[in-house]
Amino acid sequence: MSLQESIKRILKEETTIPIKARRYLNHLDDYYNYEFNSAKKYVHRYKNKQRFIHNFIHELFERFYQGWLSNDIRRFTDEFDVIEDYVKVYVFDNHIKQLEKLWSKTHRDY
């Protein structure tokens, strides 16, 4: 196997989202919006922006997993890890500025 073929195979393995989960990813925005509206109520409790974002993503993934994935994917498997990483990347790529703005708006007086 050539180096190019090896790289293609590795990239394909590392970037593939399991088919069982792919069908539910369109619901991720709905869960994000729900969790974002909930976060408005508790964001003031966090003194550290990174801790707030970390907990937000954790709660988002937990709700998403319980709502859609728990019947198809077992916890702490490779599929589970891939989807969890995808959710983190998705939030950082698409919504991080909105989360930072929410935190900053709440903490500007401190």
N, C-alpha and C. Protein backbone atom coordinates (compact mmCIF):
# COMPACT_ATOMS: atom_id res chain seq x y z
N MET A 1 0.85 -1.17 0.00
CA MET A 1 0.00 0.00 0.00
C MET A 1 0.90 1.24 0.00
N SER A 2 0.60 2.15 -0.90
CA SER A 2 1.40 3.36 -1.01
C SER A 2 1.06 4.34 0.11
N LEU A 3 1.91 5.31 0.28
CA LEU A 3 1.70 6.33 1.31
C LEU A 3 0.41 7.10 1.05
N GLN A 4 0.17 7.43 -0.19
CA GLN A 4 -1.05 8.17 -0.54
C GLN A 4 -2.30 7.38 -0.19
N GLU A 5 -2.30 6.09 -0.51
CA GLU A 5 -3.45 5.25 -0.17
C GLU A 5 -3.63 5.13 1.33
N SER A 6 -2.53 5.05 2.06
CA SER A 6 -2.60 4.97 3.52
C SER A 6 -3.20 6.23 4.11
N ILE A 7 -2.78 7.37 3.60
CA ILE A 7 -3.30 8.64 4.09
C ILE A 7 -4.79 8.75 3.81
N LYS A 8 -5.22 8.38 2.61
CA LYS A 8 -6.64 8.42 2.27
C LYS A 8 -7.45 7.51 3.19
N ARG A 9 -6.94 6.31 3.45
CA ARG A 9 -7.64 5.37 4.30
C ARG A 9 -7.76 5.90 5.73
N ILE A 10 -6.68 6.46 6.25
CA ILE A 10 -6.69 6.99 7.61
C ILE A 10 -7.64 8.18 7.72
N LEU A 11 -7.58 9.09 6.76
CA LEU A 11 -8.48 10.24 6.78
C LEU A 11 -9.94 9.80 6.70
N LYS A 12 -10.21 8.81 5.87
CA LYS A 12 -11.57 8.32 5.76
C LYS A 12 -12.04 7.71 7.08
N GLU A 13 -11.19 6.95 7.74
CA GLU A 13 -11.55 6.33 9.01
C GLU A 13 -11.75 7.37 10.10
N GLU A 14 -10.92 8.39 10.13
CA GLU A 14 -10.97 9.36 11.22
C GLU A 14 -12.05 10.41 11.03
N THR A 15 -12.52 10.62 9.83
CA THR A 15 -13.50 11.67 9.61
C THR A 15 -14.90 11.14 9.32
N THR A 16 -15.07 9.86 9.34
CA THR A 16 -16.37 9.28 9.04
C THR A 16 -17.23 9.24 10.29
N ILE A 17 -18.41 9.78 10.17
CA ILE A 17 -19.39 9.73 11.25
C ILE A 17 -20.22 8.47 11.03
N PRO A 18 -20.43 7.67 12.05
CA PRO A 18 -21.20 6.44 11.87
C PRO A 18 -22.58 6.73 11.24
N ILE A 19 -22.96 5.86 10.34
CA ILE A 19 -24.23 6.04 9.62
C ILE A 19 -25.41 6.10 10.58
N LYS A 20 -25.36 5.31 11.65
CA LYS A 20 -26.45 5.31 12.62
C LYS A 20 -26.66 6.70 13.22
N ALA A 21 -25.57 7.44 13.38
CA ALA A 21 -25.66 8.76 13.99
C ALA A 21 -25.90 9.86 12.97
N ARG A 22 -25.44 9.66 11.76
CA ARG A 22 -25.54 10.70 10.74
C ARG A 22 -26.99 11.13 10.51
N ARG A 23 -27.91 10.19 10.62
CA ARG A 23 -29.32 10.53 10.36
C ARG A 23 -29.91 11.46 11.42
N TYR A 24 -29.27 11.53 12.59
CA TYR A 24 -29.79 12.37 13.67
C TYR A 24 -29.12 13.74 13.77
N LEU A 25 -28.06 13.94 13.01
CA LEU A 25 -27.29 15.18 13.17
C LEU A 25 -28.06 16.42 12.74
N ASN A 26 -29.08 16.26 11.92
CA ASN A 26 -29.87 17.43 11.54
C ASN A 26 -30.66 17.97 12.73
N HIS A 27 -30.79 17.19 13.79
CA HIS A 27 -31.50 17.65 14.99
C HIS A 27 -30.57 18.40 15.95
N LEU A 28 -29.30 18.44 15.65
CA LEU A 28 -28.34 19.06 16.55
C LEU A 28 -28.61 20.55 16.73
N ASP A 29 -29.00 21.24 15.69
CA ASP A 29 -29.31 22.66 15.81
C ASP A 29 -30.50 22.90 16.73
N ASP A 30 -31.49 22.03 16.67
CA ASP A 30 -32.63 22.17 17.57
C ASP A 30 -32.19 22.02 19.02
N TYR A 31 -31.33 21.06 19.27
CA TYR A 31 -30.82 20.87 20.63
C TYR A 31 -29.95 22.03 21.04
N TYR A 32 -29.17 22.57 20.11
CA TYR A 32 -28.33 23.73 20.42
C TYR A 32 -29.21 24.91 20.83
N ASN A 33 -30.24 25.19 20.06
CA ASN A 33 -31.12 26.32 20.37
C ASN A 33 -31.80 26.15 21.72
N TYR A 34 -32.25 24.96 22.02
CA TYR A 34 -32.88 24.70 23.31
C TYR A 34 -31.87 24.91 24.45
N GLU A 35 -30.69 24.36 24.28
CA GLU A 35 -29.67 24.47 25.33
C GLU A 35 -29.19 25.92 25.48
N PHE A 36 -29.10 26.64 24.37
CA PHE A 36 -28.68 28.05 24.42
C PHE A 36 -29.70 28.88 25.20
N ASN A 37 -30.97 28.65 24.96
CA ASN A 37 -32.00 29.39 25.71
C ASN A 37 -31.96 29.03 27.19
N SER A 38 -31.67 27.80 27.51
CA SER A 38 -31.52 27.40 28.91
C SER A 38 -30.29 28.03 29.54
N ALA A 39 -29.23 28.16 28.77
CA ALA A 39 -27.97 28.70 29.28
C ALA A 39 -28.12 30.16 29.72
N LYS A 40 -29.03 30.87 29.14
CA LYS A 40 -29.25 32.26 29.52
C LYS A 40 -29.63 32.38 30.99
N LYS A 41 -30.22 31.32 31.54
CA LYS A 41 -30.65 31.34 32.93
C LYS A 41 -29.51 31.05 33.91
N TYR A 42 -28.49 30.31 33.46
CA TYR A 42 -27.44 29.90 34.41
C TYR A 42 -26.04 30.40 34.07
N VAL A 43 -25.88 31.15 33.00
CA VAL A 43 -24.56 31.60 32.60
C VAL A 43 -23.90 32.48 33.67
N HIS A 44 -24.69 33.20 34.43
CA HIS A 44 -24.14 34.11 35.45
C HIS A 44 -23.41 33.35 36.56
N ARG A 45 -23.65 32.07 36.69
CA ARG A 45 -22.99 31.28 37.75
C ARG A 45 -21.53 30.99 37.45
N TYR A 46 -21.14 31.11 36.21
CA TYR A 46 -19.77 30.76 35.80
C TYR A 46 -18.88 31.98 35.79
N LYS A 47 -17.79 31.91 36.52
CA LYS A 47 -16.82 33.00 36.54
C LYS A 47 -15.79 32.85 35.42
N ASN A 48 -15.69 31.63 34.88
CA ASN A 48 -14.70 31.33 33.86
C ASN A 48 -15.42 31.00 32.55
N LYS A 49 -15.06 31.71 31.50
CA LYS A 49 -15.72 31.53 30.20
C LYS A 49 -15.48 30.13 29.64
N GLN A 50 -14.26 29.61 29.76
CA GLN A 50 -13.95 28.29 29.22
C GLN A 50 -14.76 27.20 29.95
N ARG A 51 -14.92 27.35 31.25
CA ARG A 51 -15.70 26.38 32.02
C ARG A 51 -17.16 26.41 31.58
N PHE A 52 -17.69 27.59 31.35
CA PHE A 52 -19.06 27.71 30.86
C PHE A 52 -19.22 27.00 29.52
N ILE A 53 -18.31 27.27 28.59
CA ILE A 53 -18.41 26.67 27.26
C ILE A 53 -18.26 25.15 27.34
N HIS A 54 -17.33 24.69 28.15
CA HIS A 54 -17.13 23.25 28.32
C HIS A 54 -18.41 22.59 28.86
N ASN A 55 -18.99 23.16 29.89
CA ASN A 55 -20.21 22.59 30.46
C ASN A 55 -21.39 22.68 29.49
N PHE A 56 -21.45 23.77 28.75
CA PHE A 56 -22.52 23.91 27.76
C PHE A 56 -22.45 22.79 26.73
N ILE A 57 -21.26 22.55 26.19
CA ILE A 57 -21.10 21.50 25.18
C ILE A 57 -21.39 20.13 25.78
N HIS A 58 -20.97 19.92 27.01
CA HIS A 58 -21.24 18.64 27.67
C HIS A 58 -22.74 18.41 27.81
N GLU A 59 -23.46 19.42 28.27
CA GLU A 59 -24.92 19.29 28.43
C GLU A 59 -25.61 19.11 27.08
N LEU A 60 -25.15 19.83 26.08
CA LEU A 60 -25.71 19.70 24.74
C LEU A 60 -25.56 18.27 24.25
N PHE A 61 -24.36 17.72 24.40
CA PHE A 61 -24.13 16.36 23.93
C PHE A 61 -24.95 15.36 24.73
N GLU A 62 -25.04 15.54 26.03
CA GLU A 62 -25.83 14.62 26.86
C GLU A 62 -27.29 14.60 26.43
N ARG A 63 -27.86 15.78 26.22
CA ARG A 63 -29.27 15.84 25.80
C ARG A 63 -29.44 15.22 24.40
N PHE A 64 -28.50 15.52 23.52
CA PHE A 64 -28.55 14.98 22.17
C PHE A 64 -28.42 13.45 22.20
N TYR A 65 -27.52 12.95 23.02
CA TYR A 65 -27.33 11.50 23.14
C TYR A 65 -28.59 10.84 23.70
N GLN A 66 -29.10 11.39 24.79
CA GLN A 66 -30.29 10.79 25.42
C GLN A 66 -31.51 10.86 24.50
N GLY A 67 -31.62 11.94 23.75
CA GLY A 67 -32.78 12.13 22.89
C GLY A 67 -32.77 11.30 21.63
N TRP A 68 -31.59 11.09 21.04
CA TRP A 68 -31.56 10.44 19.74
C TRP A 68 -30.64 9.23 19.64
N LEU A 69 -29.52 9.27 20.29
CA LEU A 69 -28.50 8.27 20.00
C LEU A 69 -28.50 7.06 20.94
N SER A 70 -29.10 7.19 22.09
CA SER A 70 -28.96 6.14 23.11
C SER A 70 -29.50 4.79 22.68
N ASN A 71 -30.45 4.74 21.78
CA ASN A 71 -30.98 3.46 21.32
C ASN A 71 -30.08 2.78 20.30
N ASP A 72 -29.28 3.55 19.59
CA ASP A 72 -28.45 2.99 18.52
C ASP A 72 -26.97 2.85 18.87
N ILE A 73 -26.49 3.68 19.77
CA ILE A 73 -25.05 3.72 20.04
C ILE A 73 -24.80 3.57 21.52
N ARG A 74 -23.92 2.68 21.87
CA ARG A 74 -23.58 2.46 23.27
C ARG A 74 -22.52 3.48 23.71
N ARG A 75 -22.59 3.82 24.98
CA ARG A 75 -21.61 4.76 25.55
C ARG A 75 -20.22 4.15 25.53
N PHE A 76 -19.24 5.04 25.41
CA PHE A 76 -17.82 4.71 25.54
C PHE A 76 -17.37 3.68 24.49
N THR A 77 -17.89 3.82 23.30
CA THR A 77 -17.40 3.04 22.16
C THR A 77 -16.75 4.01 21.19
N ASP A 78 -16.14 3.48 20.15
CA ASP A 78 -15.51 4.34 19.16
C ASP A 78 -16.53 5.24 18.47
N GLU A 79 -17.71 4.69 18.17
CA GLU A 79 -18.77 5.49 17.55
C GLU A 79 -19.17 6.64 18.45
N PHE A 80 -19.31 6.36 19.72
CA PHE A 80 -19.67 7.37 20.72
C PHE A 80 -18.63 8.49 20.74
N ASP A 81 -17.36 8.12 20.76
CA ASP A 81 -16.28 9.11 20.80
C ASP A 81 -16.26 9.97 19.54
N VAL A 82 -16.48 9.35 18.39
CA VAL A 82 -16.48 10.09 17.12
C VAL A 82 -17.61 11.12 17.12
N ILE A 83 -18.77 10.73 17.56
CA ILE A 83 -19.91 11.65 17.57
C ILE A 83 -19.70 12.76 18.59
N GLU A 84 -19.17 12.42 19.75
CA GLU A 84 -18.90 13.44 20.76
C GLU A 84 -17.91 14.47 20.23
N ASP A 85 -16.86 14.00 19.55
CA ASP A 85 -15.90 14.93 18.95
C ASP A 85 -16.54 15.78 17.88
N TYR A 86 -17.42 15.17 17.09
CA TYR A 86 -18.12 15.92 16.05
C TYR A 86 -18.96 17.05 16.65
N VAL A 87 -19.67 16.76 17.73
CA VAL A 87 -20.50 17.77 18.37
C VAL A 87 -19.64 18.92 18.87
N LYS A 88 -18.50 18.62 19.47
CA LYS A 88 -17.59 19.67 19.95
C LYS A 88 -17.11 20.53 18.80
N VAL A 89 -16.66 19.91 17.74
CA VAL A 89 -16.17 20.66 16.58
C VAL A 89 -17.29 21.48 15.97
N TYR A 90 -18.47 20.91 15.87
CA TYR A 90 -19.62 21.61 15.31
C TYR A 90 -19.92 22.89 16.10
N VAL A 91 -19.95 22.78 17.42
CA VAL A 91 -20.25 23.95 18.24
C VAL A 91 -19.14 24.99 18.10
N PHE A 92 -17.89 24.56 18.13
CA PHE A 92 -16.79 25.52 18.00
C PHE A 92 -16.79 26.17 16.62
N ASP A 93 -17.09 25.42 15.59
CA ASP A 93 -17.09 25.99 14.24
C ASP A 93 -18.26 26.92 13.98
N ASN A 94 -19.42 26.62 14.56
CA ASN A 94 -20.63 27.35 14.19
C ASN A 94 -21.20 28.28 15.25
N HIS A 95 -20.90 28.04 16.52
CA HIS A 95 -21.62 28.78 17.56
C HIS A 95 -20.73 29.37 18.66
N ILE A 96 -19.43 29.25 18.56
CA ILE A 96 -18.58 29.68 19.66
C ILE A 96 -18.70 31.18 19.92
N LYS A 97 -18.80 31.96 18.87
CA LYS A 97 -18.90 33.42 19.06
C LYS A 97 -20.20 33.79 19.78
N GLN A 98 -21.27 33.11 19.49
CA GLN A 98 -22.54 33.36 20.16
C GLN A 98 -22.45 33.02 21.65
N LEU A 99 -21.78 31.92 21.98
CA LEU A 99 -21.61 31.55 23.39
C LEU A 99 -20.72 32.54 24.13
N GLU A 100 -19.63 32.95 23.49
CA GLU A 100 -18.74 33.94 24.11
C GLU A 100 -19.46 35.27 24.32
N LYS A 101 -20.26 35.65 23.36
CA LYS A 101 -21.02 36.90 23.48
C LYS A 101 -22.01 36.83 24.64
N LEU A 102 -22.68 35.69 24.79
CA LEU A 102 -23.62 35.51 25.90
C LEU A 102 -22.88 35.62 27.23
N TRP A 103 -21.74 34.97 27.34
CA TRP A 103 -20.98 35.00 28.59
C TRP A 103 -20.49 36.42 28.88
N SER A 104 -19.96 37.08 27.88
CA SER A 104 -19.43 38.44 28.06
C SER A 104 -20.53 39.43 28.42
N LYS A 105 -21.66 39.30 27.79
CA LYS A 105 -22.80 40.19 28.07
C LYS A 105 -23.25 40.06 29.52
N THR A 106 -23.23 38.85 30.04
CA THR A 106 -23.65 38.60 31.40
C THR A 106 -22.61 39.06 32.41
N HIS A 107 -21.34 39.04 32.03
CA HIS A 107 -20.26 39.33 32.97
C HIS A 107 -19.57 40.68 32.75
N ARG A 108 -20.14 41.55 32.00
CA ARG A 108 -19.48 42.83 31.73
C ARG A 108 -19.40 43.73 32.95
N ASP A 109 -20.27 43.52 33.92
CA ASP A 109 -20.26 44.37 35.10
C ASP A 109 -19.28 43.91 36.16
N TYR A 110 -18.67 42.71 35.98
CA TYR A 110 -17.79 42.17 37.02
C TYR A 110 -16.39 42.67 36.89
